[in-house]
PDB file of N, CA and C in Angstrom:
ATOM      1  N   UNK A   1     -43.898 -44.172  16.396  1.00  0.00           N
ATOM      2  CA  UNK A   1     -42.447 -44.132  16.357  1.00  0.00           C
ATOM      3  C   UNK A   1     -41.845 -44.452  17.722  1.00  0.00           C
ATOM      4  N   UNK A   2     -42.646 -44.837  18.672  1.00  0.00           N
ATOM      5  CA  UNK A   2     -42.112 -45.093  20.009  1.00  0.00           C
ATOM      6  C   UNK A   2     -41.103 -46.230  20.012  1.00  0.00           C
ATOM      7  N   UNK A   3     -41.190 -47.150  19.061  1.00  0.00           N
ATOM      8  CA  UNK A   3     -40.252 -48.276  19.014  1.00  0.00           C
ATOM      9  C   UNK A   3     -39.031 -47.983  18.143  1.00  0.00           C
ATOM     10  N   UNK A   4     -39.005 -46.835  17.468  1.00  0.00           N
ATOM     11  CA  UNK A   4     -37.913 -46.523  16.550  1.00  0.00           C
ATOM     12  C   UNK A   4     -36.669 -46.093  17.315  1.00  0.00           C
ATOM     13  N   UNK A   5     -35.520 -46.661  16.928  1.00  0.00           N
ATOM     14  CA  UNK A   5     -34.239 -46.325  17.542  1.00  0.00           C
ATOM     15  C   UNK A   5     -33.445 -45.432  16.590  1.00  0.00           C
ATOM     16  N   UNK A   6     -33.321 -44.139  16.874  1.00  0.00           N
ATOM     17  CA  UNK A   6     -32.577 -43.244  15.992  1.00  0.00           C
ATOM     18  C   UNK A   6     -31.107 -43.635  15.836  1.00  0.00           C
ATOM     19  N   UNK A   7     -30.592 -44.415  16.767  1.00  0.00           N
ATOM     20  CA  UNK A   7     -29.187 -44.839  16.694  1.00  0.00           C
ATOM     21  C   UNK A   7     -28.959 -45.928  15.646  1.00  0.00           C
ATOM     22  N   UNK A   8     -30.011 -46.361  14.974  1.00  0.00           N
ATOM     23  CA  UNK A   8     -29.875 -47.407  13.960  1.00  0.00           C
ATOM     24  C   UNK A   8     -28.866 -47.028  12.881  1.00  0.00           C
ATOM     25  N   UNK A   9     -28.703 -45.751  12.614  1.00  0.00           N
ATOM     26  CA  UNK A   9     -27.756 -45.335  11.567  1.00  0.00           C
ATOM     27  C   UNK A   9     -26.312 -45.340  12.059  1.00  0.00           C
ATOM     28  N   UNK A  10     -26.098 -45.576  13.355  1.00  0.00           N
ATOM     29  CA  UNK A  10     -24.755 -45.552  13.924  1.00  0.00           C
ATOM     30  C   UNK A  10     -24.319 -46.899  14.509  1.00  0.00           C
ATOM     31  N   UNK A  11     -25.146 -47.902  14.384  1.00  0.00           N
ATOM     32  CA  UNK A  11     -24.825 -49.194  15.010  1.00  0.00           C
ATOM     33  C   UNK A  11     -25.078 -50.329  14.028  1.00  0.00           C
ATOM     34  N   UNK A  12     -24.585 -51.495  14.401  1.00  0.00           N
ATOM     35  CA  UNK A  12     -24.844 -52.685  13.581  1.00  0.00           C
ATOM     36  C   UNK A  12     -26.318 -53.071  13.717  1.00  0.00           C
ATOM     37  N   UNK A  13     -26.889 -53.540  12.619  1.00  0.00           N
ATOM     38  CA  UNK A  13     -28.283 -53.980  12.637  1.00  0.00           C
ATOM     39  C   UNK A  13     -28.414 -55.309  13.365  1.00  0.00           C
ATOM     40  N   UNK A  14     -29.564 -55.499  13.998  1.00  0.00           N
ATOM     41  CA  UNK A  14     -29.878 -56.764  14.660  1.00  0.00           C
ATOM     42  C   UNK A  14     -31.180 -57.291  14.062  1.00  0.00           C
ATOM     43  N   UNK A  15     -31.452 -58.558  14.267  1.00  0.00           N
ATOM     44  CA  UNK A  15     -32.622 -59.203  13.671  1.00  0.00           C
ATOM     45  C   UNK A  15     -33.907 -58.447  13.995  1.00  0.00           C
ATOM     46  N   UNK A  16     -34.045 -57.986  15.214  1.00  0.00           N
ATOM     47  CA  UNK A  16     -35.291 -57.306  15.600  1.00  0.00           C
ATOM     48  C   UNK A  16     -35.512 -55.998  14.833  1.00  0.00           C
ATOM     49  N   UNK A  17     -34.460 -55.421  14.254  1.00  0.00           N
ATOM     50  CA  UNK A  17     -34.617 -54.199  13.450  1.00  0.00           C
ATOM     51  C   UNK A  17     -35.487 -54.433  12.215  1.00  0.00           C
ATOM     52  N   UNK A  18     -35.517 -55.674  11.734  1.00  0.00           N
ATOM     53  CA  UNK A  18     -36.239 -55.991  10.503  1.00  0.00           C
ATOM     54  C   UNK A  18     -37.667 -56.475  10.742  1.00  0.00           C
ATOM     55  N   UNK A  19     -38.041 -56.645  11.997  1.00  0.00           N
ATOM     56  CA  UNK A  19     -39.347 -57.216  12.316  1.00  0.00           C
ATOM     57  C   UNK A  19     -40.475 -56.224  12.060  1.00  0.00           C
ATOM     58  N   UNK A  20     -41.510 -56.735  11.396  1.00  0.00           N
ATOM     59  CA  UNK A  20     -42.706 -55.956  11.118  1.00  0.00           C
ATOM     60  C   UNK A  20     -43.615 -56.028  12.334  1.00  0.00           C
ATOM     61  N   UNK A  21     -44.234 -55.009  12.772  1.00  0.00           N
ATOM     62  CA  UNK A  21     -44.303 -53.653  12.235  1.00  0.00           C
ATOM     63  C   UNK A  21     -43.474 -52.640  13.004  1.00  0.00           C
ATOM     64  N   UNK A  22     -42.644 -53.087  13.977  1.00  0.00           N
ATOM     65  CA  UNK A  22     -42.005 -52.112  14.863  1.00  0.00           C
ATOM     66  C   UNK A  22     -40.490 -52.064  14.803  1.00  0.00           C
ATOM     67  N   UNK A  23     -39.866 -52.890  13.975  1.00  0.00           N
ATOM     68  CA  UNK A  23     -38.413 -52.851  13.878  1.00  0.00           C
ATOM     69  C   UNK A  23     -37.943 -51.545  13.247  1.00  0.00           C
ATOM     70  N   UNK A  24     -36.829 -51.033  13.712  1.00  0.00           N
ATOM     71  CA  UNK A  24     -36.363 -49.728  13.228  1.00  0.00           C
ATOM     72  C   UNK A  24     -36.025 -49.734  11.744  1.00  0.00           C
ATOM     73  N   UNK A  25     -35.382 -50.790  11.248  1.00  0.00           N
ATOM     74  CA  UNK A  25     -35.087 -50.864   9.808  1.00  0.00           C
ATOM     75  C   UNK A  25     -36.380 -50.992   9.012  1.00  0.00           C
ATOM     76  N   UNK A  26     -37.313 -51.757   9.515  1.00  0.00           N
ATOM     77  CA  UNK A  26     -38.616 -51.882   8.848  1.00  0.00           C
ATOM     78  C   UNK A  26     -39.305 -50.520   8.775  1.00  0.00           C
ATOM     79  N   UNK A  27     -39.314 -49.801   9.878  1.00  0.00           N
ATOM     80  CA  UNK A  27     -39.978 -48.495   9.905  1.00  0.00           C
ATOM     81  C   UNK A  27     -39.335 -47.513   8.930  1.00  0.00           C
ATOM     82  N   UNK A  28     -38.002 -47.554   8.813  1.00  0.00           N
ATOM     83  CA  UNK A  28     -37.326 -46.644   7.880  1.00  0.00           C
ATOM     84  C   UNK A  28     -37.625 -47.000   6.436  1.00  0.00           C
ATOM     85  N   UNK A  29     -37.772 -48.294   6.153  1.00  0.00           N
ATOM     86  CA  UNK A  29     -37.949 -48.738   4.775  1.00  0.00           C
ATOM     87  C   UNK A  29     -39.403 -48.774   4.351  1.00  0.00           C
ATOM     88  N   UNK A  30     -40.255 -49.327   5.181  1.00  0.00           N
ATOM     89  CA  UNK A  30     -41.648 -49.535   4.787  1.00  0.00           C
ATOM     90  C   UNK A  30     -42.643 -48.783   5.652  1.00  0.00           C
ATOM     91  N   UNK A  31     -42.286 -48.420   6.863  1.00  0.00           N
ATOM     92  CA  UNK A  31     -43.212 -47.720   7.745  1.00  0.00           C
ATOM     93  C   UNK A  31     -43.508 -46.322   7.241  1.00  0.00           C
ATOM     94  N   UNK A  32     -42.494 -45.527   7.147  1.00  0.00           N
ATOM     95  CA  UNK A  32     -42.513 -44.193   6.539  1.00  0.00           C
ATOM     96  C   UNK A  32     -43.746 -43.353   6.849  1.00  0.00           C
ATOM     97  N   UNK A  33     -44.297 -43.487   8.021  1.00  0.00           N
ATOM     98  CA  UNK A  33     -45.391 -42.614   8.439  1.00  0.00           C
ATOM     99  C   UNK A  33     -44.851 -41.803   9.612  1.00  0.00           C
ATOM    100  N   UNK A  34     -44.419 -40.597   9.309  1.00  0.00           N
ATOM    101  CA  UNK A  34     -43.775 -39.766  10.309  1.00  0.00           C
ATOM    102  C   UNK A  34     -44.622 -38.533  10.595  1.00  0.00           C
ATOM    103  N   UNK A  35     -44.864 -38.276  11.852  1.00  0.00           N
ATOM    104  CA  UNK A  35     -45.527 -37.043  12.280  1.00  0.00           C
ATOM    105  C   UNK A  35     -44.461 -35.951  12.372  1.00  0.00           C
ATOM    106  N   UNK A  36     -44.890 -34.698  12.379  1.00  0.00           N
ATOM    107  CA  UNK A  36     -43.937 -33.590  12.495  1.00  0.00           C
ATOM    108  C   UNK A  36     -43.060 -33.737  13.734  1.00  0.00           C
ATOM    109  N   UNK A  37     -43.637 -34.180  14.843  1.00  0.00           N
ATOM    110  CA  UNK A  37     -42.875 -34.346  16.080  1.00  0.00           C
ATOM    111  C   UNK A  37     -41.793 -35.411  15.911  1.00  0.00           C
ATOM    112  N   UNK A  38     -42.105 -36.484  15.188  1.00  0.00           N
ATOM    113  CA  UNK A  38     -41.123 -37.540  14.930  1.00  0.00           C
ATOM    114  C   UNK A  38     -39.949 -36.980  14.137  1.00  0.00           C
ATOM    115  N   UNK A  39     -40.259 -36.225  13.094  1.00  0.00           N
ATOM    116  CA  UNK A  39     -39.203 -35.661  12.255  1.00  0.00           C
ATOM    117  C   UNK A  39     -38.384 -34.633  13.020  1.00  0.00           C
ATOM    118  N   UNK A  40     -39.003 -33.878  13.903  1.00  0.00           N
ATOM    119  CA  UNK A  40     -38.251 -32.931  14.730  1.00  0.00           C
ATOM    120  C   UNK A  40     -37.259 -33.670  15.617  1.00  0.00           C
ATOM    121  N   UNK A  41     -37.690 -34.785  16.206  1.00  0.00           N
ATOM    122  CA  UNK A  41     -36.795 -35.579  17.054  1.00  0.00           C
ATOM    123  C   UNK A  41     -35.658 -36.181  16.235  1.00  0.00           C
ATOM    124  N   UNK A  42     -35.980 -36.722  15.057  1.00  0.00           N
ATOM    125  CA  UNK A  42     -34.941 -37.304  14.207  1.00  0.00           C
ATOM    126  C   UNK A  42     -33.984 -36.236  13.697  1.00  0.00           C
ATOM    127  N   UNK A  43     -34.499 -35.069  13.351  1.00  0.00           N
ATOM    128  CA  UNK A  43     -33.643 -33.980  12.878  1.00  0.00           C
ATOM    129  C   UNK A  43     -32.625 -33.607  13.948  1.00  0.00           C
ATOM    130  N   UNK A  44     -33.068 -33.552  15.172  1.00  0.00           N
ATOM    131  CA  UNK A  44     -32.156 -33.230  16.276  1.00  0.00           C
ATOM    132  C   UNK A  44     -31.142 -34.355  16.487  1.00  0.00           C
ATOM    133  N   UNK A  45     -31.613 -35.595  16.515  1.00  0.00           N
ATOM    134  CA  UNK A  45     -30.726 -36.740  16.752  1.00  0.00           C
ATOM    135  C   UNK A  45     -29.704 -36.910  15.636  1.00  0.00           C
ATOM    136  N   UNK A  46     -30.111 -36.658  14.398  1.00  0.00           N
ATOM    137  CA  UNK A  46     -29.241 -36.879  13.244  1.00  0.00           C
ATOM    138  C   UNK A  46     -28.590 -35.600  12.729  1.00  0.00           C
ATOM    139  N   UNK A  47     -28.919 -34.475  13.342  1.00  0.00           N
ATOM    140  CA  UNK A  47     -28.384 -33.171  12.944  1.00  0.00           C
ATOM    141  C   UNK A  47     -28.649 -32.889  11.463  1.00  0.00           C
ATOM    142  N   UNK A  48     -29.897 -33.028  11.066  1.00  0.00           N
ATOM    143  CA  UNK A  48     -30.319 -32.744   9.692  1.00  0.00           C
ATOM    144  C   UNK A  48     -31.511 -31.786   9.730  1.00  0.00           C
ATOM    145  N   UNK A  49     -31.819 -31.207   8.574  1.00  0.00           N
ATOM    146  CA  UNK A  49     -32.932 -30.260   8.508  1.00  0.00           C
ATOM    147  C   UNK A  49     -34.032 -30.691   7.550  1.00  0.00           C
ATOM    148  N   UNK A  50     -33.703 -31.569   6.595  1.00  0.00           N
ATOM    149  CA  UNK A  50     -34.650 -31.933   5.545  1.00  0.00           C
ATOM    150  C   UNK A  50     -34.668 -33.443   5.362  1.00  0.00           C
ATOM    151  N   UNK A  51     -35.859 -34.001   5.198  1.00  0.00           N
ATOM    152  CA  UNK A  51     -36.030 -35.422   4.923  1.00  0.00           C
ATOM    153  C   UNK A  51     -36.698 -35.584   3.566  1.00  0.00           C
ATOM    154  N   UNK A  52     -36.174 -36.493   2.758  1.00  0.00           N
ATOM    155  CA  UNK A  52     -36.759 -36.822   1.455  1.00  0.00           C
ATOM    156  C   UNK A  52     -37.151 -38.289   1.495  1.00  0.00           C
ATOM    157  N   UNK A  53     -38.419 -38.567   1.278  1.00  0.00           N
ATOM    158  CA  UNK A  53     -38.910 -39.939   1.313  1.00  0.00           C
ATOM    159  C   UNK A  53     -39.473 -40.338  -0.034  1.00  0.00           C
ATOM    160  N   UNK A  54     -39.194 -41.567  -0.412  1.00  0.00           N
ATOM    161  CA  UNK A  54     -39.744 -42.142  -1.625  1.00  0.00           C
ATOM    162  C   UNK A  54     -40.645 -43.313  -1.285  1.00  0.00           C
ATOM    163  N   UNK A  55     -41.018 -44.056  -2.302  1.00  0.00           N
ATOM    164  CA  UNK A  55     -41.883 -45.229  -2.146  1.00  0.00           C
ATOM    165  C   UNK A  55     -43.230 -44.892  -1.525  1.00  0.00           C
ATOM    166  N   UNK A  56     -43.691 -43.676  -1.735  1.00  0.00           N
ATOM    167  CA  UNK A  56     -45.053 -43.314  -1.345  1.00  0.00           C
ATOM    168  C   UNK A  56     -45.742 -42.788  -2.593  1.00  0.00           C
ATOM    169  N   UNK A  57     -47.012 -43.044  -2.706  1.00  0.00           N
ATOM    170  CA  UNK A  57     -47.743 -42.581  -3.879  1.00  0.00           C
ATOM    171  C   UNK A  57     -47.888 -41.059  -3.817  1.00  0.00           C
ATOM    172  N   UNK A  58     -47.330 -40.409  -4.820  1.00  0.00           N
ATOM    173  CA  UNK A  58     -47.406 -38.956  -4.935  1.00  0.00           C
ATOM    174  C   UNK A  58     -47.827 -38.661  -6.374  1.00  0.00           C
ATOM    175  N   UNK A  59     -49.109 -38.487  -6.629  1.00  0.00           N
ATOM    176  CA  UNK A  59     -49.593 -38.299  -8.001  1.00  0.00           C
ATOM    177  C   UNK A  59     -48.911 -37.154  -8.747  1.00  0.00           C
ATOM    178  N   UNK A  60     -48.525 -36.104  -8.022  1.00  0.00           N
ATOM    179  CA  UNK A  60     -47.872 -34.955  -8.664  1.00  0.00           C
ATOM    180  C   UNK A  60     -46.375 -35.162  -8.846  1.00  0.00           C
ATOM    181  N   UNK A  61     -45.829 -36.265  -8.353  1.00  0.00           N
ATOM    182  CA  UNK A  61     -44.405 -36.561  -8.480  1.00  0.00           C
ATOM    183  C   UNK A  61     -43.580 -36.098  -7.303  1.00  0.00           C
ATOM    184  N   UNK A  62     -43.902 -34.950  -6.748  1.00  0.00           N
ATOM    185  CA  UNK A  62     -43.200 -34.443  -5.562  1.00  0.00           C
ATOM    186  C   UNK A  62     -44.147 -33.524  -4.793  1.00  0.00           C
ATOM    187  N   UNK A  63     -44.130 -33.671  -3.472  1.00  0.00           N
ATOM    188  CA  UNK A  63     -44.977 -32.850  -2.603  1.00  0.00           C
ATOM    189  C   UNK A  63     -44.228 -32.541  -1.319  1.00  0.00           C
ATOM    190  N   UNK A  64     -44.542 -31.405  -0.735  1.00  0.00           N
ATOM    191  CA  UNK A  64     -44.019 -31.095   0.596  1.00  0.00           C
ATOM    192  C   UNK A  64     -45.082 -31.476   1.619  1.00  0.00           C
ATOM    193  N   UNK A  65     -44.596 -31.860   2.776  1.00  0.00           N
ATOM    194  CA  UNK A  65     -45.510 -32.244   3.861  1.00  0.00           C
ATOM    195  C   UNK A  65     -44.879 -31.776   5.166  1.00  0.00           C
ATOM    196  N   UNK A  66     -45.399 -30.738   5.745  1.00  0.00           N
ATOM    197  CA  UNK A  66     -44.829 -30.206   6.976  1.00  0.00           C
ATOM    198  C   UNK A  66     -43.597 -29.358   6.707  1.00  0.00           C
ATOM    199  N   UNK A  67     -42.856 -29.090   7.779  1.00  0.00           N
ATOM    200  CA  UNK A  67     -41.700 -28.190   7.706  1.00  0.00           C
ATOM    201  C   UNK A  67     -40.405 -28.854   7.265  1.00  0.00           C
ATOM    202  N   UNK A  68     -40.345 -30.193   7.265  1.00  0.00           N
ATOM    203  CA  UNK A  68     -39.075 -30.875   7.010  1.00  0.00           C
ATOM    204  C   UNK A  68     -39.138 -31.967   5.952  1.00  0.00           C
ATOM    205  N   UNK A  69     -40.301 -32.255   5.414  1.00  0.00           N
ATOM    206  CA  UNK A  69     -40.475 -33.471   4.621  1.00  0.00           C
ATOM    207  C   UNK A  69     -40.841 -33.188   3.169  1.00  0.00           C
ATOM    208  N   UNK A  70     -40.121 -33.874   2.271  1.00  0.00           N
ATOM    209  CA  UNK A  70     -40.441 -33.864   0.844  1.00  0.00           C
ATOM    210  C   UNK A  70     -40.711 -35.304   0.439  1.00  0.00           C
ATOM    211  N   UNK A  71     -41.823 -35.534  -0.237  1.00  0.00           N
ATOM    212  CA  UNK A  71     -42.186 -36.856  -0.744  1.00  0.00           C
ATOM    213  C   UNK A  71     -41.921 -36.881  -2.239  1.00  0.00           C
ATOM    214  N   UNK A  72     -41.225 -37.925  -2.705  1.00  0.00           N
ATOM    215  CA  UNK A  72     -40.850 -38.031  -4.112  1.00  0.00           C
ATOM    216  C   UNK A  72     -41.338 -39.368  -4.650  1.00  0.00           C
ATOM    217  N   UNK A  73     -41.949 -39.337  -5.830  1.00  0.00           N
ATOM    218  CA  UNK A  73     -42.432 -40.554  -6.485  1.00  0.00           C
ATOM    219  C   UNK A  73     -41.949 -40.512  -7.931  1.00  0.00           C
ATOM    220  N   UNK A  74     -41.105 -41.459  -8.289  1.00  0.00           N
ATOM    221  CA  UNK A  74     -40.466 -41.402  -9.613  1.00  0.00           C
ATOM    222  C   UNK A  74     -40.800 -42.580 -10.511  1.00  0.00           C
ATOM    223  N   UNK A  75     -41.864 -43.323 -10.197  1.00  0.00           N
ATOM    224  CA  UNK A  75     -42.150 -44.520 -10.994  1.00  0.00           C
ATOM    225  C   UNK A  75     -43.454 -44.421 -11.781  1.00  0.00           C
ATOM    226  N   UNK A  76     -43.818 -43.218 -12.219  1.00  0.00           N
ATOM    227  CA  UNK A  76     -45.023 -43.067 -13.034  1.00  0.00           C
ATOM    228  C   UNK A  76     -44.821 -41.915 -14.020  1.00  0.00           C
ATOM    229  N   UNK A  77     -45.780 -41.711 -14.893  1.00  0.00           N
ATOM    230  CA  UNK A  77     -45.648 -40.695 -15.940  1.00  0.00           C
ATOM    231  C   UNK A  77     -45.475 -39.282 -15.400  1.00  0.00           C
ATOM    232  N   UNK A  78     -45.959 -39.004 -14.216  1.00  0.00           N
ATOM    233  CA  UNK A  78     -45.816 -37.675 -13.621  1.00  0.00           C
ATOM    234  C   UNK A  78     -44.603 -37.543 -12.720  1.00  0.00           C
ATOM    235  N   UNK A  79     -43.663 -38.479 -12.830  1.00  0.00           N
ATOM    236  CA  UNK A  79     -42.484 -38.503 -11.965  1.00  0.00           C
ATOM    237  C   UNK A  79     -41.702 -37.196 -12.045  1.00  0.00           C
ATOM    238  N   UNK A  80     -41.183 -36.785 -10.903  1.00  0.00           N
ATOM    239  CA  UNK A  80     -40.383 -35.570 -10.834  1.00  0.00           C
ATOM    240  C   UNK A  80     -39.172 -35.829  -9.946  1.00  0.00           C
ATOM    241  N   UNK A  81     -38.171 -34.956 -10.074  1.00  0.00           N
ATOM    242  CA  UNK A  81     -36.969 -35.029  -9.247  1.00  0.00           C
ATOM    243  C   UNK A  81     -36.438 -33.618  -9.056  1.00  0.00           C
ATOM    244  N   UNK A  82     -35.579 -33.463  -8.078  1.00  0.00           N
ATOM    245  CA  UNK A  82     -34.926 -32.176  -7.844  1.00  0.00           C
ATOM    246  C   UNK A  82     -33.511 -32.448  -7.370  1.00  0.00           C
ATOM    247  N   UNK A  83     -32.656 -31.461  -7.487  1.00  0.00           N
ATOM    248  CA  UNK A  83     -31.277 -31.601  -7.035  1.00  0.00           C
ATOM    249  C   UNK A  83     -31.090 -30.831  -5.732  1.00  0.00           C
ATOM    250  N   UNK A  84     -30.116 -31.281  -4.973  1.00  0.00           N
ATOM    251  CA  UNK A  84     -29.719 -30.607  -3.743  1.00  0.00           C
ATOM    252  C   UNK A  84     -28.231 -30.330  -3.813  1.00  0.00           C
ATOM    253  N   UNK A  85     -27.830 -29.123  -3.517  1.00  0.00           N
ATOM    254  CA  UNK A  85     -26.415 -28.783  -3.402  1.00  0.00           C
ATOM    255  C   UNK A  85     -26.021 -29.036  -1.956  1.00  0.00           C
ATOM    256  N   UNK A  86     -25.261 -30.093  -1.728  1.00  0.00           N
ATOM    257  CA  UNK A  86     -24.917 -30.485  -0.365  1.00  0.00           C
ATOM    258  C   UNK A  86     -23.920 -29.544   0.291  1.00  0.00           C
ATOM    259  N   UNK A  87     -23.386 -28.594  -0.460  1.00  0.00           N
ATOM    260  CA  UNK A  87     -22.498 -27.580   0.104  1.00  0.00           C
ATOM    261  C   UNK A  87     -23.264 -26.348   0.574  1.00  0.00           C
ATOM    262  N   UNK A  88     -24.570 -26.351   0.392  1.00  0.00           N
ATOM    263  CA  UNK A  88     -25.417 -25.222   0.772  1.00  0.00           C
ATOM    264  C   UNK A  88     -26.428 -25.674   1.829  1.00  0.00           C
ATOM    265  N   UNK A  89     -26.943 -24.727   2.604  1.00  0.00           N
ATOM    266  CA  UNK A  89     -28.024 -25.104   3.524  1.00  0.00           C
ATOM    267  C   UNK A  89     -29.193 -25.683   2.726  1.00  0.00           C
ATOM    268  N   UNK A  90     -29.897 -26.646   3.296  1.00  0.00           N
ATOM    269  CA  UNK A  90     -30.992 -27.271   2.542  1.00  0.00           C
ATOM    270  C   UNK A  90     -32.132 -26.292   2.290  1.00  0.00           C
ATOM    271  N   UNK A  91     -32.773 -26.449   1.154  1.00  0.00           N
ATOM    272  CA  UNK A  91     -33.954 -25.628   0.877  1.00  0.00           C
ATOM    273  C   UNK A  91     -35.129 -26.107   1.719  1.00  0.00           C
ATOM    274  N   UNK A  92     -36.155 -25.319   1.754  1.00  0.00           N
ATOM    275  CA  UNK A  92     -37.386 -25.747   2.427  1.00  0.00           C
ATOM    276  C   UNK A  92     -38.059 -26.813   1.567  1.00  0.00           C
ATOM    277  N   UNK A  93     -38.939 -27.601   2.153  1.00  0.00           N
ATOM    278  CA  UNK A  93     -39.679 -28.570   1.343  1.00  0.00           C
ATOM    279  C   UNK A  93     -40.424 -27.914   0.180  1.00  0.00           C
ATOM    280  N   UNK A  94     -40.999 -26.745   0.423  1.00  0.00           N
ATOM    281  CA  UNK A  94     -41.715 -26.048  -0.645  1.00  0.00           C
ATOM    282  C   UNK A  94     -40.775 -25.655  -1.782  1.00  0.00           C
ATOM    283  N   UNK A  95     -39.544 -25.215  -1.426  1.00  0.00           N
ATOM    284  CA  UNK A  95     -38.565 -24.869  -2.458  1.00  0.00           C
ATOM    285  C   UNK A  95     -38.178 -26.097  -3.277  1.00  0.00           C
ATOM    286  N   UNK A  96     -38.104 -27.259  -2.629  1.00  0.00           N
ATOM    287  CA  UNK A  96     -37.798 -28.497  -3.357  1.00  0.00           C
ATOM    288  C   UNK A  96     -38.871 -28.778  -4.402  1.00  0.00           C
ATOM    289  N   UNK A  97     -40.118 -28.584  -4.025  1.00  0.00           N
ATOM    290  CA  UNK A  97     -41.221 -28.798  -4.968  1.00  0.00           C
ATOM    291  C   UNK A  97     -41.086 -27.832  -6.139  1.00  0.00           C
ATOM    292  N   UNK A  98     -40.822 -26.569  -5.849  1.00  0.00           N
ATOM    293  CA  UNK A  98     -40.699 -25.568  -6.911  1.00  0.00           C
ATOM    294  C   UNK A  98     -39.511 -25.840  -7.827  1.00  0.00           C
ATOM    295  N   UNK A  99     -38.435 -26.404  -7.282  1.00  0.00           N
ATOM    296  CA  UNK A  99     -37.235 -26.715  -8.072  1.00  0.00           C
ATOM    297  C   UNK A  99     -37.380 -27.995  -8.894  1.00  0.00           C
ATOM    298  N   UNK A 100     -38.362 -28.791  -8.578  1.00  0.00           N
ATOM    299  CA  UNK A 100     -38.467 -30.103  -9.224  1.00  0.00           C
ATOM    300  C   UNK A 100     -38.752 -29.973 -10.711  1.00  0.00           C
ATOM    301  N   UNK A 101     -38.291 -30.998 -11.431  1.00  0.00           N
ATOM    302  CA  UNK A 101     -38.497 -31.060 -12.878  1.00  0.00           C
ATOM    303  C   UNK A 101     -39.049 -32.429 -13.232  1.00  0.00           C
ATOM    304  N   UNK A 102     -39.864 -32.483 -14.267  1.00  0.00           N
ATOM    305  CA  UNK A 102     -40.349 -33.795 -14.713  1.00  0.00           C
ATOM    306  C   UNK A 102     -39.171 -34.675 -15.141  1.00  0.00           C
ATOM    307  N   UNK A 103     -39.169 -35.918 -14.714  1.00  0.00           N
ATOM    308  CA  UNK A 103     -38.076 -36.817 -15.096  1.00  0.00           C
ATOM    309  C   UNK A 103     -38.023 -37.047 -16.595  1.00  0.00           C
ATOM    310  N   UNK A 104     -39.149 -36.985 -17.262  1.00  0.00           N
ATOM    311  CA  UNK A 104     -39.128 -37.206 -18.707  1.00  0.00           C
ATOM    312  C   UNK A 104     -38.509 -36.029 -19.460  1.00  0.00           C
ATOM    313  N   UNK A 105     -38.145 -34.953 -18.743  1.00  0.00           N
ATOM    314  CA  UNK A 105     -37.481 -33.815 -19.383  1.00  0.00           C
ATOM    315  C   UNK A 105     -35.975 -33.834 -19.175  1.00  0.00           C
ATOM    316  N   UNK A 106     -35.487 -34.785 -18.398  1.00  0.00           N
ATOM    317  CA  UNK A 106     -34.057 -34.833 -18.073  1.00  0.00           C
ATOM    318  C   UNK A 106     -33.328 -35.709 -19.063  1.00  0.00           C
TER     319      UNK A 106
END
């Protein structure tokens, strides 16, 4: 994540943001390999507490990873989803997993 610019969400995109493998837009869209330290830095920079990532293979449909990360996979038979009340403090990643429901039940 040394090449990632957290200010990407506050500025206009430039061509280098899309370049593989180190552009910031590329890393947000396809890189998606974040260590706990990376997420701690992003949480501070963006003033957030919870990250939800998709487009990763999650056989169980939803999994927690670390203190801030929830992985969601909704394109298979075991797909799951959960809701977040944006007027409330975010739940822990583990609580998100427990709250999740199979998409085929919705």
